[in-house]
Amino acid sequence: MLKKITLSLTLLTILISCNSLKSGRMSHQVNKDTLNTTLENKSNERIEETFILISQEKIDNLNKEIVLKNYKSGEEIMKAYKPESNETEGNETYTLSKNKIDGSTTEVTLIQDGFLDDSVAGEKNVMILKLENGVLKIISIKQNYKCWEGRGHTNWSAEYCH
């Protein structure tokens, strides 16, 4: 029982710290290491994106929650990690997509855009999940942001908005 309470409190702490990103504050659990990724858009143009890598400690806590809650899909896991707010105002969007990498590995991407924040316009989270012994396990999570015009970069980047 104590273990379940501890895990629930850990998840609650994670969710609260993640939601604080919308107000421009950075969670202390985010690893400051960054990752550069090159993507191709529909016009085959190469686009550089930088990401913040989420700490292994946070991923380990989320993997415990996956087992505890018996989550069965990547979308369900992403929604637990970054829940869609029922209290949004304006034109905020919450878009989930899934890409099968191989037979046991999936990439789930969440793009939240149109924040009613004075500097941060949107946040992107990319989660890599692997099916191991019938249980989904988070391998990595990376995130980046885009800023409103005049408040920093308007492309997806690990750099903070101002």
Protein backbone atom coordinates (compact mmCIF):
# COMPACT_ATOMS: atom_id res chain seq x y z
CA MET A 1 0.00 0.00 0.00
CA LEU A 2 2.81 2.41 0.91
CA LYS A 3 4.49 1.60 -2.40
CA LYS A 4 1.32 2.52 -4.35
CA ILE A 5 0.97 5.78 -2.44
CA THR A 6 4.63 6.63 -3.09
CA LEU A 7 4.26 5.89 -6.81
CA SER A 8 1.07 7.94 -7.01
CA LEU A 9 2.73 10.89 -5.30
CA THR A 10 5.71 10.59 -7.65
CA LEU A 11 3.45 10.66 -10.70
CA LEU A 12 1.55 13.63 -9.29
CA THR A 13 4.84 15.49 -8.74
CA ILE A 14 5.92 14.71 -12.30
CA LEU A 15 2.62 15.90 -13.75
CA ILE A 16 2.67 19.12 -11.72
CA SER A 17 6.25 19.85 -12.77
CA CYS A 18 5.39 19.16 -16.42
CA ASN A 19 2.39 21.48 -16.29
CA SER A 20 4.60 24.23 -14.84
CA LEU A 21 6.39 24.40 -18.19
CA LYS A 22 3.35 26.16 -19.65
CA SER A 23 3.94 29.07 -17.31
CA GLY A 24 7.54 29.40 -18.43
CA ARG A 25 9.11 27.65 -15.43
CA MET A 26 11.42 24.70 -16.03
CA SER A 27 11.13 21.56 -13.94
CA HIS A 28 14.24 20.80 -11.91
CA GLN A 29 13.99 17.16 -13.03
CA VAL A 30 14.72 17.96 -16.67
CA ASN A 31 18.18 16.89 -17.72
CA LYS A 32 20.02 19.85 -19.29
CA ASP A 33 21.71 17.58 -21.85
CA THR A 34 20.52 18.31 -25.35
CA LEU A 35 20.21 16.28 -28.50
CA ASN A 36 20.49 17.59 -32.05
CA THR A 37 18.22 15.90 -34.57
CA THR A 38 18.04 16.36 -38.31
CA LEU A 39 14.60 15.90 -39.84
CA GLU A 40 13.29 16.15 -43.37
CA ASN A 41 10.07 18.00 -44.06
CA LYS A 42 7.57 17.22 -46.84
CA SER A 43 9.70 19.20 -49.31
CA ASN A 44 12.75 17.04 -48.42
CA GLU A 45 14.41 20.05 -46.78
CA ARG A 46 16.68 19.18 -43.87
CA ILE A 47 15.65 20.84 -40.61
CA GLU A 48 17.83 20.89 -37.48
CA GLU A 49 16.02 20.53 -34.16
CA THR A 50 17.51 20.53 -30.70
CA PHE A 51 15.86 18.74 -27.81
CA ILE A 52 16.21 18.57 -24.06
CA LEU A 53 16.61 14.98 -22.86
CA ILE A 54 14.42 13.98 -19.92
CA SER A 55 16.34 12.44 -17.01
CA GLN A 56 16.58 8.68 -16.61
CA GLU A 57 15.24 9.04 -13.06
CA LYS A 58 12.03 10.57 -14.38
CA ILE A 59 11.75 7.86 -17.08
CA ASP A 60 12.27 5.13 -14.46
CA ASN A 61 9.44 6.60 -12.35
CA LEU A 62 7.16 6.71 -15.38
CA ASN A 63 8.00 3.08 -16.25
CA LYS A 64 6.94 2.06 -12.72
CA GLU A 65 3.67 3.93 -13.26
CA ILE A 66 3.10 2.10 -16.59
CA VAL A 67 3.21 -1.22 -14.75
CA LEU A 68 1.11 0.04 -11.84
CA LYS A 69 -1.61 1.49 -14.10
CA ASN A 70 -1.33 -1.30 -16.72
CA TYR A 71 -1.11 1.12 -19.66
CA LYS A 72 -1.39 -0.69 -22.99
CA SER A 73 -0.68 1.96 -25.64
CA GLY A 74 1.89 4.64 -26.31
CA GLU A 75 -0.86 7.21 -26.66
CA GLU A 76 -2.23 6.29 -23.24
CA ILE A 77 1.26 6.65 -21.73
CA MET A 78 1.86 10.03 -23.37
CA LYS A 79 -1.54 11.27 -22.17
CA ALA A 80 -0.61 10.25 -18.62
CA TYR A 81 2.77 12.02 -18.96
CA LYS A 82 1.31 15.17 -20.54
CA PRO A 83 -2.45 15.22 -19.97
CA GLU A 84 -4.69 17.30 -22.16
CA SER A 85 -6.05 20.21 -20.17
CA ASN A 86 -9.80 20.64 -19.99
CA GLU A 87 -9.29 24.26 -18.93
CA THR A 88 -7.60 25.61 -22.06
CA GLU A 89 -8.59 28.94 -23.47
CA GLY A 90 -8.06 30.24 -26.97
CA ASN A 91 -6.78 28.03 -29.76
CA GLU A 92 -4.54 25.59 -27.92
CA THR A 93 -4.13 22.28 -29.77
CA TYR A 94 -3.12 18.84 -28.47
CA THR A 95 -1.97 16.55 -31.28
CA LEU A 96 -0.74 12.98 -30.79
CA SER A 97 0.90 10.92 -33.52
CA LYS A 98 2.47 7.47 -33.55
CA ASN A 99 5.21 6.04 -35.74
CA LYS A 100 6.17 2.36 -35.69
CA ILE A 101 9.99 2.13 -35.78
CA ASP A 102 10.22 -1.67 -35.83
CA GLY A 103 8.30 -4.67 -34.53
CA SER A 104 8.70 -3.75 -30.87
CA THR A 105 9.62 -0.03 -30.90
CA THR A 106 7.27 2.92 -31.35
CA GLU A 107 7.74 6.68 -31.35
CA VAL A 108 4.87 8.76 -29.94
CA THR A 109 4.91 12.52 -30.53
CA LEU A 110 2.77 15.07 -28.74
CA ILE A 111 2.61 18.63 -30.04
CA GLN A 112 0.86 21.18 -27.87
CA ASP A 113 0.56 24.50 -29.68
CA GLY A 114 -1.09 27.86 -29.18
CA PHE A 115 -0.39 28.26 -25.46
CA LEU A 116 -1.81 31.33 -23.80
CA ASP A 117 1.63 32.16 -22.44
CA ASP A 118 3.50 35.41 -23.00
CA SER A 119 6.62 33.67 -24.38
CA VAL A 120 6.14 29.93 -25.02
CA ALA A 121 3.89 29.21 -28.01
CA GLY A 122 4.20 25.43 -28.00
CA GLU A 123 5.88 22.33 -26.66
CA LYS A 124 6.81 19.08 -28.42
CA ASN A 125 7.46 15.81 -26.61
CA VAL A 126 8.82 12.73 -28.36
CA MET A 127 8.71 9.42 -26.50
CA ILE A 128 10.37 6.18 -27.65
CA LEU A 129 8.67 3.06 -26.29
CA LYS A 130 9.69 -0.58 -26.56
CA LEU A 131 7.53 -3.64 -25.89
CA GLU A 132 9.47 -5.91 -23.51
CA ASN A 133 7.89 -9.09 -22.12
CA GLY A 134 4.42 -7.84 -22.99
CA VAL A 135 4.90 -4.49 -21.20
CA LEU A 136 5.57 -1.12 -22.84
CA LYS A 137 8.70 0.56 -21.50
CA ILE A 138 9.84 4.13 -22.11
CA ILE A 139 13.34 4.17 -23.58
CA SER A 140 13.69 7.94 -23.93
CA ILE A 141 11.80 11.22 -23.87
CA LYS A 142 12.95 14.43 -25.46
CA GLN A 143 11.22 17.80 -25.61
CA ASN A 144 11.58 21.19 -27.19
CA TYR A 145 9.73 24.47 -27.50
CA LYS A 146 8.84 27.22 -29.88
CA CYS A 147 8.34 30.83 -28.88
CA TRP A 148 5.90 33.50 -29.87
CA GLU A 149 7.19 36.01 -32.42
CA GLY A 150 9.50 38.47 -30.70
CA ARG A 151 10.04 36.20 -27.67
CA GLY A 152 12.84 34.02 -29.08
CA HIS A 153 13.07 31.32 -31.74
CA THR A 154 9.91 30.42 -33.65
CA ASN A 155 11.22 27.01 -34.72
CA TRP A 156 11.33 23.93 -32.44
CA SER A 157 14.40 24.19 -30.22
CA ALA A 158 15.77 23.30 -26.79
CA GLU A 159 16.49 26.98 -26.19
CA TYR A 160 14.24 28.70 -23.72
CA CYS A 161 11.92 31.54 -24.69
CA HIS A 162 12.26 35.00 -23.16
